[in-house]
C-alpha atoms as a PDB file:
ATOM      1  CA  MET A   1      43.366   2.964  22.000  1.00  0.00           C
ATOM      2  CA  GLU A   2      40.024   0.900  21.862  1.00  0.00           C
ATOM      3  CA  ASP A   3      38.193   4.074  22.926  1.00  0.00           C
ATOM      4  CA  ASP A   4      39.584   5.958  19.892  1.00  0.00           C
ATOM      5  CA  HIS A   5      38.463   2.628  17.399  1.00  0.00           C
ATOM      6  CA  ASP A   6      35.215   2.720  18.903  1.00  0.00           C
ATOM      7  CA  GLU A   7      34.855   6.621  18.301  1.00  0.00           C
ATOM      8  CA  ILE A   8      35.996   6.103  14.730  1.00  0.00           C
ATOM      9  CA  HIS A   9      33.877   3.152  13.976  1.00  0.00           C
ATOM     10  CA  LEU A  10      30.954   5.173  15.252  1.00  0.00           C
ATOM     11  CA  ALA A  11      31.637   8.151  13.073  1.00  0.00           C
ATOM     12  CA  MET A  12      31.924   6.053  10.198  1.00  0.00           C
ATOM     13  CA  HIS A  13      28.453   4.759  10.639  1.00  0.00           C
ATOM     14  CA  ARG A  14      27.171   8.079  11.050  1.00  0.00           C
ATOM     15  CA  GLU A  15      28.800   9.331   8.065  1.00  0.00           C
ATOM     16  CA  ALA A  16      27.222   6.558   6.114  1.00  0.00           C
ATOM     17  CA  ASP A  17      23.450   6.795   6.958  1.00  0.00           C
ATOM     18  CA  GLU A  18      23.583  10.581   7.827  1.00  0.00           C
ATOM     19  CA  LEU A  19      20.428   9.621  10.034  1.00  0.00           C
ATOM     20  CA  GLY A  20      19.544  11.092  13.322  1.00  0.00           C
ATOM     21  CA  LYS A  21      17.854   8.631  15.748  1.00  0.00           C
ATOM     22  CA  PHE A  22      16.011   9.063  19.142  1.00  0.00           C
ATOM     23  CA  ALA A  23      13.776   6.476  20.941  1.00  0.00           C
ATOM     24  CA  SER A  24      11.985   6.595  24.334  1.00  0.00           C
ATOM     25  CA  LEU A  25       9.528   4.554  26.325  1.00  0.00           C
ATOM     26  CA  ILE A  26       6.853   6.467  27.902  1.00  0.00           C
ATOM     27  CA  GLU A  27       4.181   5.825  30.868  1.00  0.00           C
ATOM     28  CA  VAL A  28       1.093   7.971  30.118  1.00  0.00           C
ATOM     29  CA  ARG A  29      -1.706   8.652  32.369  1.00  0.00           C
ATOM     30  CA  ALA A  30      -5.162  10.264  31.455  1.00  0.00           C
ATOM     31  CA  PRO A  31      -6.980  11.848  34.214  1.00  0.00           C
ATOM     32  CA  ARG A  32     -10.244  10.401  32.247  1.00  0.00           C
ATOM     33  CA  PRO A  33     -10.588   7.505  29.742  1.00  0.00           C
ATOM     34  CA  LEU A  34     -10.100   8.819  26.068  1.00  0.00           C
ATOM     35  CA  SER A  35     -12.003   7.058  23.349  1.00  0.00           C
ATOM     36  CA  PRO A  36     -10.052   5.558  20.342  1.00  0.00           C
ATOM     37  CA  GLN A  37     -10.783   8.612  18.242  1.00  0.00           C
ATOM     38  CA  GLU A  38      -9.191  11.019  21.008  1.00  0.00           C
ATOM     39  CA  THR A  39      -6.085   8.281  21.229  1.00  0.00           C
ATOM     40  CA  VAL A  40      -5.780   8.550  17.444  1.00  0.00           C
ATOM     41  CA  GLY A  41      -5.644  12.367  17.697  1.00  0.00           C
ATOM     42  CA  LEU A  42      -3.055  11.908  20.215  1.00  0.00           C
ATOM     43  CA  LEU A  43      -0.623   9.771  18.673  1.00  0.00           C
ATOM     44  CA  ASP A  44      -1.000  11.619  15.438  1.00  0.00           C
ATOM     45  CA  GLU A  45      -0.339  15.037  16.792  1.00  0.00           C
ATOM     46  CA  LEU A  46       2.741  13.587  18.922  1.00  0.00           C
ATOM     47  CA  LEU A  47       4.252  12.441  15.548  1.00  0.00           C
ATOM     48  CA  TYR A  48       3.439  15.346  13.623  1.00  0.00           C
ATOM     49  CA  GLN A  49       4.690  17.656  16.290  1.00  0.00           C
ATOM     50  CA  ILE A  50       7.924  16.058  16.625  1.00  0.00           C
ATOM     51  CA  THR A  51       8.607  15.554  12.951  1.00  0.00           C
ATOM     52  CA  ARG A  52       7.725  19.281  12.277  1.00  0.00           C
ATOM     53  CA  ALA A  53      10.048  20.371  15.091  1.00  0.00           C
ATOM     54  CA  CYS A  54      12.729  18.048  13.411  1.00  0.00           C
ATOM     55  CA  LEU A  55      12.194  19.966  10.011  1.00  0.00           C
ATOM     56  CA  ASP A  56      12.283  23.185  11.563  1.00  0.00           C
ATOM     57  CA  HIS A  57      15.327  22.692  13.210  1.00  0.00           C
ATOM     58  CA  GLY A  58      17.509  21.109  10.115  1.00  0.00           C
ATOM     59  CA  ALA A  59      16.183  17.778   9.144  1.00  0.00           C
ATOM     60  CA  ASP A  60      15.573  17.348   5.612  1.00  0.00           C
ATOM     61  CA  LEU A  61      13.918  14.338   5.108  1.00  0.00           C
ATOM     62  CA  VAL A  62      11.473  11.806   7.410  1.00  0.00           C
ATOM     63  CA  GLY A  63      12.796   8.545   7.651  1.00  0.00           C
ATOM     64  CA  HIS A  64      10.296   7.108   9.985  1.00  0.00           C
ATOM     65  CA  VAL A  65       8.584   8.549  13.101  1.00  0.00           C
ATOM     66  CA  LYS A  66       6.342   5.733  14.843  1.00  0.00           C
ATOM     67  CA  ALA A  67       4.672   5.317  17.976  1.00  0.00           C
ATOM     68  CA  PHE A  68       3.298   1.877  19.491  1.00  0.00           C
ATOM     69  CA  LEU A  69       0.828   2.342  22.474  1.00  0.00           C
ATOM     70  CA  LYS A  70       0.176  -0.432  24.689  1.00  0.00           C
ATOM     71  CA  THR A  71      -2.522  -0.496  27.060  1.00  0.00           C
ATOM     72  CA  GLU A  72      -4.987  -3.008  29.051  1.00  0.00           C
ATOM     73  CA  ASP A  73      -7.721  -2.772  26.331  1.00  0.00           C
ATOM     74  CA  GLY A  74      -5.587  -3.011  23.155  1.00  0.00           C
ATOM     75  CA  ALA A  75      -2.905  -1.594  21.291  1.00  0.00           C
ATOM     76  CA  MET A  76      -2.500   1.171  18.827  1.00  0.00           C
ATOM     77  CA  SER A  77       0.257   1.679  16.414  1.00  0.00           C
ATOM     78  CA  ALA A  78       1.065   5.443  14.510  1.00  0.00           C
ATOM     79  CA  SER A  79       3.282   5.540  11.809  1.00  0.00           C
ATOM     80  CA  LEU A  80       4.482   9.130   9.819  1.00  0.00           C
ATOM     81  CA  ILE A  81       6.693   9.259   6.646  1.00  0.00           C
ATOM     82  CA  ASP A  82       5.263  12.176   5.047  1.00  0.00           C
ATOM     83  CA  ILE A  83       4.606  15.173   7.037  1.00  0.00           C
ATOM     84  CA  ASP A  84       1.914  16.403   4.694  1.00  0.00           C
ATOM     85  CA  LYS A  85      -0.065  13.157   5.009  1.00  0.00           C
ATOM     86  CA  ARG A  86      -0.237  13.047   8.633  1.00  0.00           C
ATOM     87  CA  SER A  87      -0.119   9.659  10.603  1.00  0.00           C
ATOM     88  CA  ASN A  88      -1.353   6.192   9.674  1.00  0.00           C
ATOM     89  CA  VAL A  89      -2.867   4.965  12.894  1.00  0.00           C
ATOM     90  CA  THR A  90      -4.381   1.451  13.485  1.00  0.00           C
ATOM     91  CA  HIS A  91      -5.507  -0.354  16.546  1.00  0.00           C
ATOM     92  CA  ASP A  92      -6.990  -3.446  17.945  1.00  0.00           C
ATOM     93  CA  PHE A  93      -9.241  -1.656  20.620  1.00  0.00           C
ATOM     94  CA  SER A  94     -12.902  -3.144  20.822  1.00  0.00           C
ATOM     95  CA  HIS A  95     -15.881  -1.162  20.703  1.00  0.00           C
ATOM     96  CA  GLY A  96     -16.339   0.835  23.506  1.00  0.00           C
ATOM     97  CA  ALA A  97     -12.875   0.291  24.922  1.00  0.00           C
ATOM     98  CA  THR A  98     -10.976   3.371  26.231  1.00  0.00           C
ATOM     99  CA  PHE A  99      -7.569   4.430  27.003  1.00  0.00           C
ATOM    100  CA  GLN A 100      -6.387   5.767  30.734  1.00  0.00           C
ATOM    101  CA  ARG A 101      -3.275   4.067  31.113  1.00  0.00           C
ATOM    102  CA  GLY A 102      -0.371   2.642  29.257  1.00  0.00           C
ATOM    103  CA  GLU A 103       3.104   2.614  27.648  1.00  0.00           C
ATOM    104  CA  ILE A 104       4.176   4.525  24.569  1.00  0.00           C
ATOM    105  CA  THR A 105       7.208   2.993  22.629  1.00  0.00           C
ATOM    106  CA  LEU A 106       8.624   6.342  20.421  1.00  0.00           C
ATOM    107  CA  HIS A 107      10.810   5.903  17.699  1.00  0.00           C
ATOM    108  CA  VAL A 108      12.105   9.143  15.625  1.00  0.00           C
ATOM    109  CA  ILE A 109      14.217   8.750  12.461  1.00  0.00           C
ATOM    110  CA  VAL A 110      15.201  11.526  10.442  1.00  0.00           C
ATOM    111  CA  HIS A 111      17.779  12.605   7.868  1.00  0.00           C
ATOM    112  CA  GLY A 112      19.860  15.619   8.183  1.00  0.00           C
ATOM    113  CA  ILE A 113      20.313  16.179  11.890  1.00  0.00           C
ATOM    114  CA  TRP A 114      22.281  14.457  14.442  1.00  0.00           C
ATOM    115  CA  ASP A 115      20.854  12.317  17.326  1.00  0.00           C
ATOM    116  CA  ASP A 116      21.130  14.916  20.252  1.00  0.00           C
ATOM    117  CA  GLU A 117      19.241  17.516  17.921  1.00  0.00           C
ATOM    118  CA  VAL A 118      16.567  15.030  17.245  1.00  0.00           C
ATOM    119  CA  ARG A 119      16.168  14.426  20.869  1.00  0.00           C
ATOM    120  CA  ALA A 120      16.402  17.842  21.654  1.00  0.00           C
ATOM    121  CA  GLN A 121      13.262  18.400  19.300  1.00  0.00           C
ATOM    122  CA  SER A 122      11.612  15.588  20.441  1.00  0.00           C
ATOM    123  CA  LEU A 123      11.151  15.917  24.349  1.00  0.00           C
ATOM    124  CA  PRO A 124       9.577  19.515  24.188  1.00  0.00           C
ATOM    125  CA  ALA A 125       7.187  18.457  21.464  1.00  0.00           C
ATOM    126  CA  MET A 126       6.206  15.495  23.385  1.00  0.00           C
ATOM    127  CA  ASP A 127       5.831  17.894  26.419  1.00  0.00           C
ATOM    128  CA  ARG A 128       3.332  20.180  24.640  1.00  0.00           C
ATOM    129  CA  VAL A 129       1.093  17.313  22.930  1.00  0.00           C
ATOM    130  CA  PHE A 130       0.691  15.507  26.169  1.00  0.00           C
ATOM    131  CA  LYS A 131      -0.206  18.866  28.185  1.00  0.00           C
ATOM    132  CA  GLN A 132      -2.587  19.535  24.973  1.00  0.00           C
ATOM    133  CA  PHE A 133      -4.254  16.587  25.836  1.00  0.00           C
ATOM    134  CA  GLY A 134      -4.161  16.571  29.570  1.00  0.00           C
ATOM    135  CA  VAL A 135      -2.195  13.339  29.559  1.00  0.00           C
ATOM    136  CA  ASP A 136       0.230  13.065  32.312  1.00  0.00           C
ATOM    137  CA  TYR A 137       3.509  11.267  31.466  1.00  0.00           C
ATOM    138  CA  THR A 138       6.978   9.828  32.690  1.00  0.00           C
ATOM    139  CA  ILE A 139       9.766   8.946  30.404  1.00  0.00           C
ATOM    140  CA  LEU A 140      10.832   5.511  31.633  1.00  0.00           C
ATOM    141  CA  LYS A 141      14.020   5.108  28.973  1.00  0.00           C
ATOM    142  CA  ASP A 142      15.300   7.750  26.823  1.00  0.00           C
ATOM    143  CA  PHE A 143      18.190   7.017  24.535  1.00  0.00           C
ATOM    144  CA  THR A 144      19.667   7.990  21.151  1.00  0.00           C
ATOM    145  CA  ASP A 145      21.084   5.826  18.555  1.00  0.00           C
ATOM    146  CA  LYS A 146      24.712   6.723  19.678  1.00  0.00           C
ATOM    147  CA  GLU A 147      24.311   5.361  23.029  1.00  0.00           C
ATOM    148  CA  ARG A 148      22.928   2.015  21.875  1.00  0.00           C
ATOM    149  CA  SER A 149      25.637   1.906  19.106  1.00  0.00           C
ATOM    150  CA  ILE A 150      28.306   2.415  22.009  1.00  0.00           C
ATOM    151  CA  SER A 151      26.918  -0.225  24.219  1.00  0.00           C
ATOM    152  CA  HIS A 152      26.546  -2.588  21.202  1.00  0.00           C
ATOM    153  CA  HIS A 153      30.221  -1.968  20.276  1.00  0.00           C
ATOM    154  CA  LEU A 154      31.529  -2.122  24.141  1.00  0.00           C
ATOM    155  CA  LYS A 155      29.858  -6.068  24.507  1.00  0.00           C
END
């Protein structure tokens, strides 16, 4: 009976917000050092491609698509809320700093499609962009909001 209550509770949350959510922690490795400008291009293209794929597959509104890159030489943050304006990217890389290894925390929130579809569109878009920029990656954590909600409600 408890499982039925949890499923009903989750369904109520989903009906209220109608947002599809996906998050991932990604280890990234470039074969050569990338400049801050190249890294800005990578993060911008990553957010753009994920958002474009979600919109092309039923999302009707961008909630917030963002990525945070943490490296030994600094951090970079990218945020996309309007696909026509691309991403806003900020960083604290010092002059001459490069990126070769790091971790990206990715959050995707869109309206109109559910978590599983957001994930289904995000993963191939990630693969395309990392290949385009010649960056190897490993997904360290991959979860949808539903999985987090279930674990929250079972505590």
